[in-house]
Amino acid sequence: MKRAGLGSLLLLLLLVWACARTPHPADPLDVPVESWDMVDVAPLNALVNEAAGAGSDWPRSAVSVTLGVLGGDADARVLALSGAGNRGEQADTVVVHLARDGFLDDSVRGDWHRAVLYRVDDGTWRLHELRRAFRCRRGGSTDRYSADLCP
C-alpha cells in the first residue's frame, strides 16, 4: 500500500514539473499587426439594433457587443481582450482589442480585431470602426497579423 502511494506521489510531482516547464503561449495581443482590413460595420450594427430592440442586455456593454458580433471565442485556444474608454466614468467611446489564437484550422492560426464603439442615447453601444487582420500557420504571416489571406 505504501509503495502505491509513493508511486502516485512521484507521478503527481512529475506532472507538476512537466506543466511548469511547458512554455505558455504568448499573449496574442503582443503579436505585431502589420496591416489590416476595414470591416463594414453596418450589418453588424443591424444585429446590435435588433438585440437592443428585443431588450437583450449585451448591447449595453462595449466588450459584449464586440464579442457578440465577432462570435466570441470561435473555437480559439487562446483569447485575449482589452478595452479602454475615453473617460474614467461614463465613457462615450471605447476601443476594444480582441485577439484569438489556436484556431482549429490548417491555414489561419488566429485573428486580431480593433473595434471603436460609441454609446448611443439609450445607453447601448454601436460600432464606429472595425479593423481585422489574420495570423497564418504557414507562409509570411506566422509571426504577425496581416490583412493578407493565409495560404
C-alpha atoms as a PDB file:
ATOM      1  CA  MET A   1       0.000   0.000   0.000  1.00  0.00           C
ATOM      2  CA  LYS A   2       2.833   2.385   0.876  1.00  0.00           C
ATOM      3  CA  ARG A   3       4.517   1.645  -2.437  1.00  0.00           C
ATOM      4  CA  ALA A   4       1.369   2.588  -4.425  1.00  0.00           C
ATOM      5  CA  GLY A   5       1.109   5.883  -2.527  1.00  0.00           C
ATOM      6  CA  LEU A   6       4.751   6.710  -3.243  1.00  0.00           C
ATOM      7  CA  GLY A   7       4.263   5.925  -6.947  1.00  0.00           C
ATOM      8  CA  SER A   8       1.215   8.211  -7.109  1.00  0.00           C
ATOM      9  CA  LEU A   9       3.131  10.978  -5.375  1.00  0.00           C
ATOM     10  CA  LEU A  10       6.043  10.636  -7.803  1.00  0.00           C
ATOM     11  CA  LEU A  11       3.652  10.675 -10.752  1.00  0.00           C
ATOM     12  CA  LEU A  12       1.979  13.826  -9.413  1.00  0.00           C
ATOM     13  CA  LEU A  13       5.336  15.552  -8.907  1.00  0.00           C
ATOM     14  CA  LEU A  14       6.415  14.590 -12.433  1.00  0.00           C
ATOM     15  CA  LEU A  15       3.176  16.013 -13.842  1.00  0.00           C
ATOM     16  CA  VAL A  16       3.589  19.294 -11.937  1.00  0.00           C
ATOM     17  CA  TRP A  17       7.220  19.562 -13.096  1.00  0.00           C
ATOM     18  CA  ALA A  18       6.243  18.923 -16.726  1.00  0.00           C
ATOM     19  CA  CYS A  19       3.465  21.518 -16.611  1.00  0.00           C
ATOM     20  CA  ALA A  20       5.778  24.089 -15.072  1.00  0.00           C
ATOM     21  CA  ARG A  21       8.326  23.536 -17.854  1.00  0.00           C
ATOM     22  CA  THR A  22       5.774  23.655 -20.686  1.00  0.00           C
ATOM     23  CA  PRO A  23       6.058  27.041 -22.410  1.00  0.00           C
ATOM     24  CA  HIS A  24       2.904  29.095 -22.231  1.00  0.00           C
ATOM     25  CA  PRO A  25       1.691  30.739 -25.425  1.00  0.00           C
ATOM     26  CA  ALA A  26       2.487  34.402 -25.828  1.00  0.00           C
ATOM     27  CA  ASP A  27      -0.368  36.838 -25.378  1.00  0.00           C
ATOM     28  CA  PRO A  28      -1.907  37.214 -28.853  1.00  0.00           C
ATOM     29  CA  LEU A  29      -2.229  40.957 -28.235  1.00  0.00           C
ATOM     30  CA  ASP A  30       1.579  41.172 -28.059  1.00  0.00           C
ATOM     31  CA  VAL A  31       1.954  39.941 -31.661  1.00  0.00           C
ATOM     32  CA  PRO A  32       2.676  42.834 -34.073  1.00  0.00           C
ATOM     33  CA  VAL A  33      -0.014  43.958 -36.527  1.00  0.00           C
ATOM     34  CA  GLU A  34       1.495  44.655 -39.952  1.00  0.00           C
ATOM     35  CA  SER A  35      -1.690  45.550 -41.850  1.00  0.00           C
ATOM     36  CA  TRP A  36      -5.439  45.237 -41.530  1.00  0.00           C
ATOM     37  CA  ASP A  37      -8.695  45.466 -43.459  1.00  0.00           C
ATOM     38  CA  MET A  38     -11.629  47.662 -42.529  1.00  0.00           C
ATOM     39  CA  VAL A  39     -14.842  45.730 -41.919  1.00  0.00           C
ATOM     40  CA  ASP A  40     -18.233  47.144 -42.941  1.00  0.00           C
ATOM     41  CA  VAL A  41     -19.938  47.773 -39.595  1.00  0.00           C
ATOM     42  CA  ALA A  42     -23.462  48.429 -40.973  1.00  0.00           C
ATOM     43  CA  PRO A  43     -24.605  44.768 -40.944  1.00  0.00           C
ATOM     44  CA  LEU A  44     -23.014  44.247 -37.537  1.00  0.00           C
ATOM     45  CA  ASN A  45     -24.774  47.303 -36.119  1.00  0.00           C
ATOM     46  CA  ALA A  46     -28.034  45.937 -37.551  1.00  0.00           C
ATOM     47  CA  LEU A  47     -27.515  42.859 -35.327  1.00  0.00           C
ATOM     48  CA  VAL A  48     -26.907  45.106 -32.322  1.00  0.00           C
ATOM     49  CA  ASN A  49     -30.010  47.189 -33.148  1.00  0.00           C
ATOM     50  CA  GLU A  50     -32.110  44.034 -33.328  1.00  0.00           C
ATOM     51  CA  ALA A  51     -30.806  42.743 -29.999  1.00  0.00           C
ATOM     52  CA  ALA A  52     -31.268  46.132 -28.315  1.00  0.00           C
ATOM     53  CA  GLY A  53     -34.814  46.378 -29.687  1.00  0.00           C
ATOM     54  CA  ALA A  54     -35.575  42.919 -28.292  1.00  0.00           C
ATOM     55  CA  GLY A  55     -34.360  44.006 -24.832  1.00  0.00           C
ATOM     56  CA  SER A  56     -31.159  41.954 -24.742  1.00  0.00           C
ATOM     57  CA  ASP A  57     -28.573  43.054 -22.193  1.00  0.00           C
ATOM     58  CA  TRP A  58     -25.404  42.508 -24.256  1.00  0.00           C
ATOM     59  CA  PRO A  59     -25.736  45.755 -26.301  1.00  0.00           C
ATOM     60  CA  ARG A  60     -25.240  47.692 -23.024  1.00  0.00           C
ATOM     61  CA  SER A  61     -21.559  46.639 -22.868  1.00  0.00           C
ATOM     62  CA  ALA A  62     -18.975  47.640 -25.474  1.00  0.00           C
ATOM     63  CA  VAL A  63     -16.986  44.468 -24.793  1.00  0.00           C
ATOM     64  CA  SER A  64     -20.115  42.300 -25.086  1.00  0.00           C
ATOM     65  CA  VAL A  65     -21.004  43.967 -28.388  1.00  0.00           C
ATOM     66  CA  THR A  66     -17.517  43.220 -29.713  1.00  0.00           C
ATOM     67  CA  LEU A  67     -17.725  39.576 -28.657  1.00  0.00           C
ATOM     68  CA  GLY A  68     -21.320  39.303 -29.840  1.00  0.00           C
ATOM     69  CA  VAL A  69     -20.707  40.481 -33.392  1.00  0.00           C
ATOM     70  CA  LEU A  70     -17.369  38.663 -33.789  1.00  0.00           C
ATOM     71  CA  GLY A  71     -18.503  35.305 -32.468  1.00  0.00           C
ATOM     72  CA  GLY A  72     -16.740  35.188 -29.107  1.00  0.00           C
ATOM     73  CA  ASP A  73     -14.057  32.538 -28.796  1.00  0.00           C
ATOM     74  CA  ALA A  74     -14.761  30.961 -32.243  1.00  0.00           C
ATOM     75  CA  ASP A  75     -13.121  27.711 -31.135  1.00  0.00           C
ATOM     76  CA  ALA A  76      -9.904  29.545 -30.282  1.00  0.00           C
ATOM     77  CA  ARG A  77      -7.484  28.014 -27.820  1.00  0.00           C
ATOM     78  CA  VAL A  78      -6.430  31.445 -26.519  1.00  0.00           C
ATOM     79  CA  LEU A  79      -8.478  34.623 -26.375  1.00  0.00           C
ATOM     80  CA  ALA A  80      -7.047  37.994 -25.330  1.00  0.00           C
ATOM     81  CA  LEU A  81      -9.208  41.048 -24.799  1.00  0.00           C
ATOM     82  CA  SER A  82      -8.542  44.608 -23.723  1.00  0.00           C
ATOM     83  CA  GLY A  83     -10.659  47.708 -23.668  1.00  0.00           C
ATOM     84  CA  ALA A  84     -10.165  51.350 -22.822  1.00  0.00           C
ATOM     85  CA  GLY A  85     -12.707  54.131 -22.582  1.00  0.00           C
ATOM     86  CA  ASN A  86     -12.127  57.779 -23.302  1.00  0.00           C
ATOM     87  CA  ARG A  87     -13.024  58.695 -19.698  1.00  0.00           C
ATOM     88  CA  GLY A  88     -12.849  57.030 -16.307  1.00  0.00           C
ATOM     89  CA  GLU A  89     -16.603  57.140 -15.742  1.00  0.00           C
ATOM     90  CA  GLN A  90     -19.419  57.169 -18.271  1.00  0.00           C
ATOM     91  CA  ALA A  91     -17.199  56.772 -21.308  1.00  0.00           C
ATOM     92  CA  ASP A  92     -18.935  57.523 -24.578  1.00  0.00           C
ATOM     93  CA  THR A  93     -16.214  55.965 -26.757  1.00  0.00           C
ATOM     94  CA  VAL A  94     -14.392  52.683 -26.131  1.00  0.00           C
ATOM     95  CA  VAL A  95     -11.617  50.944 -28.064  1.00  0.00           C
ATOM     96  CA  VAL A  96     -11.641  47.154 -27.715  1.00  0.00           C
ATOM     97  CA  HIS A  97      -8.823  44.899 -28.924  1.00  0.00           C
ATOM     98  CA  LEU A  98      -9.633  41.219 -29.401  1.00  0.00           C
ATOM     99  CA  ALA A  99      -7.074  38.634 -30.493  1.00  0.00           C
ATOM    100  CA  ARG A 100      -7.739  34.922 -30.830  1.00  0.00           C
ATOM    101  CA  ASP A 101      -5.129  32.210 -31.350  1.00  0.00           C
ATOM    102  CA  GLY A 102      -5.100  28.463 -31.830  1.00  0.00           C
ATOM    103  CA  PHE A 103      -7.975  28.114 -34.304  1.00  0.00           C
ATOM    104  CA  LEU A 104      -8.802  24.594 -35.374  1.00  0.00           C
ATOM    105  CA  ASP A 105      -7.846  25.487 -38.936  1.00  0.00           C
ATOM    106  CA  ASP A 106      -4.907  24.294 -41.017  1.00  0.00           C
ATOM    107  CA  SER A 107      -4.393  27.726 -42.604  1.00  0.00           C
ATOM    108  CA  VAL A 108      -5.494  30.502 -40.221  1.00  0.00           C
ATOM    109  CA  ARG A 109      -3.899  30.381 -36.783  1.00  0.00           C
ATOM    110  CA  GLY A 110      -5.805  33.332 -35.327  1.00  0.00           C
ATOM    111  CA  ASP A 111      -7.213  36.795 -35.850  1.00  0.00           C
ATOM    112  CA  TRP A 112      -6.963  40.310 -34.423  1.00  0.00           C
ATOM    113  CA  HIS A 113      -9.632  42.999 -34.224  1.00  0.00           C
ATOM    114  CA  ARG A 114      -9.674  46.622 -33.143  1.00  0.00           C
ATOM    115  CA  ALA A 115     -13.184  47.894 -32.556  1.00  0.00           C
ATOM    116  CA  VAL A 116     -14.076  51.520 -31.859  1.00  0.00           C
ATOM    117  CA  LEU A 117     -17.519  51.779 -30.306  1.00  0.00           C
ATOM    118  CA  TYR A 118     -19.706  54.703 -29.266  1.00  0.00           C
ATOM    119  CA  ARG A 119     -22.592  54.914 -26.815  1.00  0.00           C
ATOM    120  CA  VAL A 120     -25.989  55.935 -28.176  1.00  0.00           C
ATOM    121  CA  ASP A 121     -28.737  57.785 -26.294  1.00  0.00           C
ATOM    122  CA  ASP A 122     -30.400  54.646 -24.876  1.00  0.00           C
ATOM    123  CA  GLY A 123     -27.083  53.547 -23.258  1.00  0.00           C
ATOM    124  CA  THR A 124     -26.290  50.804 -25.758  1.00  0.00           C
ATOM    125  CA  TRP A 125     -23.181  50.637 -27.932  1.00  0.00           C
ATOM    126  CA  ARG A 126     -22.621  50.666 -31.696  1.00  0.00           C
ATOM    127  CA  LEU A 127     -19.548  50.057 -33.809  1.00  0.00           C
ATOM    128  CA  HIS A 128     -17.947  53.102 -35.381  1.00  0.00           C
ATOM    129  CA  GLU A 129     -14.980  51.265 -36.868  1.00  0.00           C
ATOM    130  CA  LEU A 130     -13.708  47.695 -37.013  1.00  0.00           C
ATOM    131  CA  ARG A 131     -10.270  46.573 -38.190  1.00  0.00           C
ATOM    132  CA  ARG A 132      -9.377  42.933 -38.875  1.00  0.00           C
ATOM    133  CA  ALA A 133      -6.149  41.018 -39.536  1.00  0.00           C
ATOM    134  CA  PHE A 134      -5.127  37.355 -39.599  1.00  0.00           C
ATOM    135  CA  ARG A 135      -2.208  35.284 -38.345  1.00  0.00           C
ATOM    136  CA  CYS A 136      -1.329  32.318 -40.535  1.00  0.00           C
ATOM    137  CA  ARG A 137       0.006  28.864 -39.699  1.00  0.00           C
ATOM    138  CA  ARG A 138       2.396  28.940 -42.668  1.00  0.00           C
ATOM    139  CA  GLY A 139       3.684  31.454 -45.172  1.00  0.00           C
ATOM    140  CA  GLY A 140       4.783  35.006 -44.447  1.00  0.00           C
ATOM    141  CA  SER A 141       2.427  35.954 -41.604  1.00  0.00           C
ATOM    142  CA  THR A 142       3.169  33.374 -38.914  1.00  0.00           C
ATOM    143  CA  ASP A 143       4.795  35.859 -36.531  1.00  0.00           C
ATOM    144  CA  ARG A 144       2.453  38.814 -37.112  1.00  0.00           C
ATOM    145  CA  TYR A 145      -1.095  39.742 -38.058  1.00  0.00           C
ATOM    146  CA  SER A 146      -1.716  40.840 -41.623  1.00  0.00           C
ATOM    147  CA  ALA A 147      -4.572  41.684 -43.971  1.00  0.00           C
ATOM    148  CA  ASP A 148      -3.152  39.161 -46.446  1.00  0.00           C
ATOM    149  CA  LEU A 149      -5.038  35.924 -46.937  1.00  0.00           C
ATOM    150  CA  CYS A 150      -3.385  32.845 -45.457  1.00  0.00           C
ATOM    151  CA  PRO A 151      -2.012  30.199 -47.862  1.00  0.00           C
END
